[in-house]
Amino acid sequence: MSETPVRATLYLEPALHKALRFKAATAHRSMSEITNDAIRQALREDEEDLSAIAKRKKEKPMSYEAFLAKLKADGTL
């Protein structure tokens, strides 16, 4: 960790807390490391989705019927 960590209070469901504690113990990692990795991955996925949307922003809208026809034409459906 290159930056000084910030302390935060999270309220976990008891079953999630138990699973996280178990995973941390078996992986020899802290619960914070595992939680940070999970949050980082979730945000990365959002960033990828937003990037894909931005790249397609200039595309012309397509009706559902046209989209369905295109999927059938290229063999996807």
PDB file of N, CA and C in Angstrom:
ATOM      1  N   MET A   1       0.839  -1.161   0.000  1.00  0.00           N
ATOM      2  CA  MET A   1       0.000   0.000   0.000  1.00  0.00           C
ATOM      3  C   MET A   1       0.889   1.230   0.000  1.00  0.00           C
ATOM      4  N   SER A   2       0.780   2.093  -0.990  1.00  0.00           N
ATOM      5  CA  SER A   2       1.664   3.242  -1.094  1.00  0.00           C
ATOM      6  C   SER A   2       1.130   4.447  -0.337  1.00  0.00           C
ATOM      7  N   GLU A   3      -0.166   4.545  -0.180  1.00  0.00           N
ATOM      8  CA  GLU A   3      -0.753   5.676   0.526  1.00  0.00           C
ATOM      9  C   GLU A   3      -1.135   5.256   1.944  1.00  0.00           C
ATOM     10  N   THR A   4      -1.274   6.242   2.798  1.00  0.00           N
ATOM     11  CA  THR A   4      -1.727   5.958   4.153  1.00  0.00           C
ATOM     12  C   THR A   4      -3.189   5.543   4.095  1.00  0.00           C
ATOM     13  N   PRO A   5      -3.524   4.394   4.651  1.00  0.00           N
ATOM     14  CA  PRO A   5      -4.904   3.928   4.601  1.00  0.00           C
ATOM     15  C   PRO A   5      -5.844   4.846   5.379  1.00  0.00           C
ATOM     16  N   VAL A   6      -7.087   4.879   4.946  1.00  0.00           N
ATOM     17  CA  VAL A   6      -8.132   5.639   5.615  1.00  0.00           C
ATOM     18  C   VAL A   6      -9.027   4.642   6.337  1.00  0.00           C
ATOM     19  N   ARG A   7      -9.308   4.911   7.564  1.00  0.00           N
ATOM     20  CA  ARG A   7     -10.162   4.020   8.339  1.00  0.00           C
ATOM     21  C   ARG A   7     -11.617   4.306   7.991  1.00  0.00           C
ATOM     22  N   ALA A   8     -12.376   3.240   7.746  1.00  0.00           N
ATOM     23  CA  ALA A   8     -13.793   3.361   7.421  1.00  0.00           C
ATOM     24  C   ALA A   8     -14.567   2.299   8.172  1.00  0.00           C
ATOM     25  N   THR A   9     -15.794   2.608   8.493  1.00  0.00           N
ATOM     26  CA  THR A   9     -16.655   1.634   9.164  1.00  0.00           C
ATOM     27  C   THR A   9     -17.609   1.063   8.139  1.00  0.00           C
ATOM     28  N   LEU A  10     -17.597  -0.244   8.001  1.00  0.00           N
ATOM     29  CA  LEU A  10     -18.509  -0.942   7.103  1.00  0.00           C
ATOM     30  C   LEU A  10     -19.377  -1.868   7.934  1.00  0.00           C
ATOM     31  N   TYR A  11     -20.626  -1.974   7.566  1.00  0.00           N
ATOM     32  CA  TYR A  11     -21.526  -2.893   8.241  1.00  0.00           C
ATOM     33  C   TYR A  11     -21.791  -4.064   7.314  1.00  0.00           C
ATOM     34  N   LEU A  12     -21.296  -5.220   7.682  1.00  0.00           N
ATOM     35  CA  LEU A  12     -21.432  -6.420   6.866  1.00  0.00           C
ATOM     36  C   LEU A  12     -22.498  -7.329   7.456  1.00  0.00           C
ATOM     37  N   GLU A  13     -23.131  -8.062   6.575  1.00  0.00           N
ATOM     38  CA  GLU A  13     -24.041  -9.102   7.042  1.00  0.00           C
ATOM     39  C   GLU A  13     -23.189 -10.136   7.784  1.00  0.00           C
ATOM     40  N   PRO A  14     -23.738 -10.725   8.844  1.00  0.00           N
ATOM     41  CA  PRO A  14     -22.944 -11.681   9.627  1.00  0.00           C
ATOM     42  C   PRO A  14     -22.336 -12.806   8.792  1.00  0.00           C
ATOM     43  N   ALA A  15     -23.082 -13.339   7.843  1.00  0.00           N
ATOM     44  CA  ALA A  15     -22.551 -14.430   7.014  1.00  0.00           C
ATOM     45  C   ALA A  15     -21.402 -13.950   6.131  1.00  0.00           C
ATOM     46  N   LEU A  16     -21.499 -12.726   5.611  1.00  0.00           N
ATOM     47  CA  LEU A  16     -20.405 -12.179   4.797  1.00  0.00           C
ATOM     48  C   LEU A  16     -19.160 -11.954   5.652  1.00  0.00           C
ATOM     49  N   HIS A  17     -19.363 -11.446   6.851  1.00  0.00           N
ATOM     50  CA  HIS A  17     -18.238 -11.207   7.745  1.00  0.00           C
ATOM     51  C   HIS A  17     -17.527 -12.518   8.076  1.00  0.00           C
ATOM     52  N   LYS A  18     -18.300 -13.546   8.349  1.00  0.00           N
ATOM     53  CA  LYS A  18     -17.722 -14.853   8.677  1.00  0.00           C
ATOM     54  C   LYS A  18     -16.939 -15.406   7.481  1.00  0.00           C
ATOM     55  N   ALA A  19     -17.524 -15.286   6.283  1.00  0.00           N
ATOM     56  CA  ALA A  19     -16.849 -15.773   5.072  1.00  0.00           C
ATOM     57  C   ALA A  19     -15.577 -14.982   4.795  1.00  0.00           C
ATOM     58  N   LEU A  20     -15.626 -13.673   4.993  1.00  0.00           N
ATOM     59  CA  LEU A  20     -14.451 -12.830   4.779  1.00  0.00           C
ATOM     60  C   LEU A  20     -13.346 -13.174   5.775  1.00  0.00           C
ATOM     61  N   ARG A  21     -13.715 -13.360   7.027  1.00  0.00           N
ATOM     62  CA  ARG A  21     -12.739 -13.745   8.053  1.00  0.00           C
ATOM     63  C   ARG A  21     -12.082 -15.073   7.702  1.00  0.00           C
ATOM     64  N   PHE A  22     -12.898 -16.022   7.254  1.00  0.00           N
ATOM     65  CA  PHE A  22     -12.380 -17.344   6.886  1.00  0.00           C
ATOM     66  C   PHE A  22     -11.442 -17.241   5.681  1.00  0.00           C
ATOM     67  N   LYS A  23     -11.861 -16.489   4.670  1.00  0.00           N
ATOM     68  CA  LYS A  23     -11.026 -16.338   3.464  1.00  0.00           C
ATOM     69  C   LYS A  23      -9.703 -15.673   3.815  1.00  0.00           C
ATOM     70  N   ALA A  24      -9.754 -14.650   4.642  1.00  0.00           N
ATOM     71  CA  ALA A  24      -8.531 -13.954   5.048  1.00  0.00           C
ATOM     72  C   ALA A  24      -7.585 -14.907   5.778  1.00  0.00           C
ATOM     73  N   ALA A  25      -8.120 -15.712   6.659  1.00  0.00           N
ATOM     74  CA  ALA A  25      -7.282 -16.647   7.421  1.00  0.00           C
ATOM     75  C   ALA A  25      -6.668 -17.706   6.519  1.00  0.00           C
ATOM     76  N   THR A  26      -7.458 -18.254   5.612  1.00  0.00           N
ATOM     77  CA  THR A  26      -6.937 -19.320   4.750  1.00  0.00           C
ATOM     78  C   THR A  26      -5.996 -18.788   3.674  1.00  0.00           C
ATOM     79  N   ALA A  27      -6.182 -17.535   3.270  1.00  0.00           N
ATOM     80  CA  ALA A  27      -5.320 -16.942   2.235  1.00  0.00           C
ATOM     81  C   ALA A  27      -4.119 -16.213   2.831  1.00  0.00           C
ATOM     82  N   HIS A  28      -4.059 -16.153   4.162  1.00  0.00           N
ATOM     83  CA  HIS A  28      -2.984 -15.438   4.857  1.00  0.00           C
ATOM     84  C   HIS A  28      -2.906 -13.988   4.390  1.00  0.00           C
ATOM     85  N   ARG A  29      -4.091 -13.386   4.291  1.00  0.00           N
ATOM     86  CA  ARG A  29      -4.199 -11.965   3.909  1.00  0.00           C
ATOM     87  C   ARG A  29      -5.120 -11.290   4.913  1.00  0.00           C
ATOM     88  N   SER A  30      -5.044  -9.984   4.981  1.00  0.00           N
ATOM     89  CA  SER A  30      -5.939  -9.274   5.898  1.00  0.00           C
ATOM     90  C   SER A  30      -7.311  -9.096   5.254  1.00  0.00           C
ATOM     91  N   MET A  31      -8.299  -8.903   6.109  1.00  0.00           N
ATOM     92  CA  MET A  31      -9.644  -8.634   5.594  1.00  0.00           C
ATOM     93  C   MET A  31      -9.633  -7.336   4.791  1.00  0.00           C
ATOM     94  N   SER A  32      -8.835  -6.376   5.205  1.00  0.00           N
ATOM     95  CA  SER A  32      -8.737  -5.105   4.486  1.00  0.00           C
ATOM     96  C   SER A  32      -8.189  -5.306   3.073  1.00  0.00           C
ATOM     97  N   GLU A  33      -7.160  -6.129   2.937  1.00  0.00           N
ATOM     98  CA  GLU A  33      -6.595  -6.393   1.602  1.00  0.00           C
ATOM     99  C   GLU A  33      -7.638  -7.004   0.679  1.00  0.00           C
ATOM    100  N   ILE A  34      -8.350  -7.982   1.186  1.00  0.00           N
ATOM    101  CA  ILE A  34      -9.358  -8.655   0.370  1.00  0.00           C
ATOM    102  C   ILE A  34     -10.482  -7.687   0.007  1.00  0.00           C
ATOM    103  N   THR A  35     -10.916  -6.890   0.970  1.00  0.00           N
ATOM    104  CA  THR A  35     -11.984  -5.922   0.724  1.00  0.00           C
ATOM    105  C   THR A  35     -11.538  -4.858  -0.274  1.00  0.00           C
ATOM    106  N   ASN A  36     -10.318  -4.344  -0.103  1.00  0.00           N
ATOM    107  CA  ASN A  36      -9.805  -3.350  -1.053  1.00  0.00           C
ATOM    108  C   ASN A  36      -9.745  -3.910  -2.463  1.00  0.00           C
ATOM    109  N   ASP A  37      -9.268  -5.139  -2.602  1.00  0.00           N
ATOM    110  CA  ASP A  37      -9.202  -5.769  -3.925  1.00  0.00           C
ATOM    111  C   ASP A  37     -10.589  -5.918  -4.547  1.00  0.00           C
ATOM    112  N   ALA A  38     -11.563  -6.316  -3.737  1.00  0.00           N
ATOM    113  CA  ALA A  38     -12.930  -6.498  -4.246  1.00  0.00           C
ATOM    114  C   ALA A  38     -13.533  -5.165  -4.689  1.00  0.00           C
ATOM    115  N   ILE A  39     -13.327  -4.123  -3.904  1.00  0.00           N
ATOM    116  CA  ILE A  39     -13.852  -2.801  -4.268  1.00  0.00           C
ATOM    117  C   ILE A  39     -13.157  -2.284  -5.514  1.00  0.00           C
ATOM    118  N   ARG A  40     -11.839  -2.454  -5.566  1.00  0.00           N
ATOM    119  CA  ARG A  40     -11.068  -2.016  -6.734  1.00  0.00           C
ATOM    120  C   ARG A  40     -11.580  -2.702  -8.004  1.00  0.00           C
ATOM    121  N   GLN A  41     -11.840  -4.002  -7.932  1.00  0.00           N
ATOM    122  CA  GLN A  41     -12.330  -4.759  -9.084  1.00  0.00           C
ATOM    123  C   GLN A  41     -13.716  -4.280  -9.499  1.00  0.00           C
ATOM    124  N   ALA A  42     -14.590  -4.040  -8.541  1.00  0.00           N
ATOM    125  CA  ALA A  42     -15.940  -3.566  -8.850  1.00  0.00           C
ATOM    126  C   ALA A  42     -15.888  -2.203  -9.543  1.00  0.00           C
ATOM    127  N   LEU A  43     -15.023  -1.317  -9.057  1.00  0.00           N
ATOM    128  CA  LEU A  43     -14.896   0.004  -9.676  1.00  0.00           C
ATOM    129  C   LEU A  43     -14.264  -0.090 -11.059  1.00  0.00           C
ATOM    130  N   ARG A  44     -13.326  -1.013 -11.236  1.00  0.00           N
ATOM    131  CA  ARG A  44     -12.682  -1.207 -12.536  1.00  0.00           C
ATOM    132  C   ARG A  44     -13.721  -1.656 -13.571  1.00  0.00           C
ATOM    133  N   GLU A  45     -14.615  -2.549 -13.149  1.00  0.00           N
ATOM    134  CA  GLU A  45     -15.666  -3.011 -14.057  1.00  0.00           C
ATOM    135  C   GLU A  45     -16.577  -1.856 -14.452  1.00  0.00           C
ATOM    136  N   ASP A  46     -16.924  -0.998 -13.493  1.00  0.00           N
ATOM    137  CA  ASP A  46     -17.740   0.179 -13.808  1.00  0.00           C
ATOM    138  C   ASP A  46     -17.010   1.093 -14.789  1.00  0.00           C
ATOM    139  N   GLU A  47     -15.713   1.284 -14.568  1.00  0.00           N
ATOM    140  CA  GLU A  47     -14.918   2.141 -15.440  1.00  0.00           C
ATOM    141  C   GLU A  47     -14.883   1.577 -16.862  1.00  0.00           C
ATOM    142  N   GLU A  48     -14.750   0.261 -16.987  1.00  0.00           N
ATOM    143  CA  GLU A  48     -14.746  -0.372 -18.306  1.00  0.00           C
ATOM    144  C   GLU A  48     -16.090  -0.183 -18.996  1.00  0.00           C
ATOM    145  N   ASP A  49     -17.177  -0.321 -18.239  1.00  0.00           N
ATOM    146  CA  ASP A  49     -18.513  -0.118 -18.814  1.00  0.00           C
ATOM    147  C   ASP A  49     -18.691   1.319 -19.280  1.00  0.00           C
ATOM    148  N   LEU A  50     -18.277   2.278 -18.455  1.00  0.00           N
ATOM    149  CA  LEU A  50     -18.417   3.691 -18.821  1.00  0.00           C
ATOM    150  C   LEU A  50     -17.556   4.020 -20.033  1.00  0.00           C
ATOM    151  N   SER A  51     -16.385   3.425 -20.118  1.00  0.00           N
ATOM    152  CA  SER A  51     -15.506   3.646 -21.266  1.00  0.00           C
ATOM    153  C   SER A  51     -16.150   3.107 -22.548  1.00  0.00           C
ATOM    154  N   ALA A  52     -16.745   1.927 -22.455  1.00  0.00           N
ATOM    155  CA  ALA A  52     -17.405   1.335 -23.619  1.00  0.00           C
ATOM    156  C   ALA A  52     -18.579   2.202 -24.066  1.00  0.00           C
ATOM    157  N   ILE A  53     -19.324   2.730 -23.117  1.00  0.00           N
ATOM    158  CA  ILE A  53     -20.454   3.606 -23.451  1.00  0.00           C
ATOM    159  C   ILE A  53     -19.950   4.868 -24.136  1.00  0.00           C
ATOM    160  N   ALA A  54     -18.881   5.447 -23.604  1.00  0.00           N
ATOM    161  CA  ALA A  54     -18.330   6.674 -24.190  1.00  0.00           C
ATOM    162  C   ALA A  54     -17.855   6.441 -25.620  1.00  0.00           C
ATOM    163  N   LYS A  55     -17.239   5.277 -25.873  1.00  0.00           N
ATOM    164  CA  LYS A  55     -16.752   4.973 -27.217  1.00  0.00           C
ATOM    165  C   LYS A  55     -17.894   4.812 -28.214  1.00  0.00           C
ATOM    166  N   ARG A  56     -19.054   4.371 -27.726  1.00  0.00           N
ATOM    167  CA  ARG A  56     -20.183   4.111 -28.626  1.00  0.00           C
ATOM    168  C   ARG A  56     -21.162   5.275 -28.672  1.00  0.00           C
ATOM    169  N   LYS A  57     -20.823   6.375 -28.003  1.00  0.00           N
ATOM    170  CA  LYS A  57     -21.727   7.510 -27.872  1.00  0.00           C
ATOM    171  C   LYS A  57     -22.160   8.077 -29.227  1.00  0.00           C
ATOM    172  N   LYS A  58     -21.278   8.033 -30.212  1.00  0.00           N
ATOM    173  CA  LYS A  58     -21.583   8.630 -31.514  1.00  0.00           C
ATOM    174  C   LYS A  58     -22.330   7.686 -32.447  1.00  0.00           C
ATOM    175  N   GLU A  59     -22.552   6.452 -32.012  1.00  0.00           N
ATOM    176  CA  GLU A  59     -23.295   5.512 -32.852  1.00  0.00           C
ATOM    177  C   GLU A  59     -24.752   5.955 -32.963  1.00  0.00           C
ATOM    178  N   LYS A  60     -25.326   5.670 -34.113  1.00  0.00           N
ATOM    179  CA  LYS A  60     -26.731   5.996 -34.307  1.00  0.00           C
ATOM    180  C   LYS A  60     -27.588   5.006 -33.529  1.00  0.00           C
ATOM    181  N   PRO A  61     -28.680   5.484 -32.950  1.00  0.00           N
ATOM    182  CA  PRO A  61     -29.584   4.568 -32.241  1.00  0.00           C
ATOM    183  C   PRO A  61     -30.181   3.541 -33.199  1.00  0.00           C
ATOM    184  N   MET A  62     -30.507   2.382 -32.663  1.00  0.00           N
ATOM    185  CA  MET A  62     -31.074   1.307 -33.483  1.00  0.00           C
ATOM    186  C   MET A  62     -32.321   0.795 -32.768  1.00  0.00           C
ATOM    187  N   SER A  63     -33.373   0.592 -33.511  1.00  0.00           N
ATOM    188  CA  SER A  63     -34.596   0.068 -32.909  1.00  0.00           C
ATOM    189  C   SER A  63     -34.384  -1.388 -32.491  1.00  0.00           C
ATOM    190  N   TYR A  64     -35.232  -1.841 -31.606  1.00  0.00           N
ATOM    191  CA  TYR A  64     -35.155  -3.222 -31.162  1.00  0.00           C
ATOM    192  C   TYR A  64     -35.305  -4.172 -32.338  1.00  0.00           C
ATOM    193  N   GLU A  65     -36.260  -3.874 -33.206  1.00  0.00           N
ATOM    194  CA  GLU A  65     -36.508  -4.736 -34.356  1.00  0.00           C
ATOM    195  C   GLU A  65     -35.288  -4.799 -35.278  1.00  0.00           C
ATOM    196  N   ALA A  66     -34.651  -3.654 -35.512  1.00  0.00           N
ATOM    197  CA  ALA A  66     -33.463  -3.617 -36.360  1.00  0.00           C
ATOM    198  C   ALA A  66     -32.311  -4.379 -35.705  1.00  0.00           C
ATOM    199  N   PHE A  67     -32.177  -4.226 -34.398  1.00  0.00           N
ATOM    200  CA  PHE A  67     -31.126  -4.925 -33.672  1.00  0.00           C
ATOM    201  C   PHE A  67     -31.341  -6.433 -33.743  1.00  0.00           C
ATOM    202  N   LEU A  68     -32.567  -6.862 -33.561  1.00  0.00           N
ATOM    203  CA  LEU A  68     -32.910  -8.278 -33.636  1.00  0.00           C
ATOM    204  C   LEU A  68     -32.612  -8.822 -35.033  1.00  0.00           C
ATOM    205  N   ALA A  69     -32.982  -8.070 -36.068  1.00  0.00           N
ATOM    206  CA  ALA A  69     -32.729  -8.474 -37.442  1.00  0.00           C
ATOM    207  C   ALA A  69     -31.218  -8.616 -37.687  1.00  0.00           C
ATOM    208  N   LYS A  70     -30.426  -7.670 -37.138  1.00  0.00           N
ATOM    209  CA  LYS A  70     -28.971  -7.719 -37.296  1.00  0.00           C
ATOM    210  C   LYS A  70     -28.398  -8.971 -36.629  1.00  0.00           C
ATOM    211  N   LEU A  71     -28.876  -9.298 -35.426  1.00  0.00           N
ATOM    212  CA  LEU A  71     -28.405 -10.486 -34.728  1.00  0.00           C
ATOM    213  C   LEU A  71     -28.723 -11.765 -35.517  1.00  0.00           C
ATOM    214  N   LYS A  72     -29.906 -11.796 -36.113  1.00  0.00           N
ATOM    215  CA  LYS A  72     -30.287 -12.955 -36.925  1.00  0.00           C
ATOM    216  C   LYS A  72     -29.445 -13.034 -38.198  1.00  0.00           C
ATOM    217  N   ALA A  73     -29.176 -11.875 -38.811  1.00  0.00           N
ATOM    218  CA  ALA A  73     -28.414 -11.827 -40.057  1.00  0.00           C
ATOM    219  C   ALA A  73     -26.962 -12.290 -39.856  1.00  0.00           C
ATOM    220  N   ASP A  74     -26.378 -11.934 -38.718  1.00  0.00           N
ATOM    221  CA  ASP A  74     -24.980 -12.348 -38.537  1.00  0.00           C
ATOM    222  C   ASP A  74     -24.836 -13.709 -37.841  1.00  0.00           C
ATOM    223  N   GLY A  75     -25.968 -14.365 -37.608  1.00  0.00           N
ATOM    224  CA  GLY A  75     -25.934 -15.724 -37.071  1.00  0.00           C
ATOM    225  C   GLY A  75     -25.848 -15.814 -35.549  1.00  0.00           C
ATOM    226  N   THR A  76     -25.935 -14.677 -34.869  1.00  0.00           N
ATOM    227  CA  THR A  76     -25.886 -14.701 -33.407  1.00  0.00           C
ATOM    228  C   THR A  76     -27.150 -15.359 -32.843  1.00  0.00           C
ATOM    229  N   LEU A  77     -28.267 -15.113 -33.500  1.00  0.00           N
ATOM    230  CA  LEU A  77     -29.528 -15.756 -33.077  1.00  0.00           C
ATOM    231  C   LEU A  77     -29.982 -16.742 -34.130  1.00  0.00           C
TER     232      LEU A  77
END
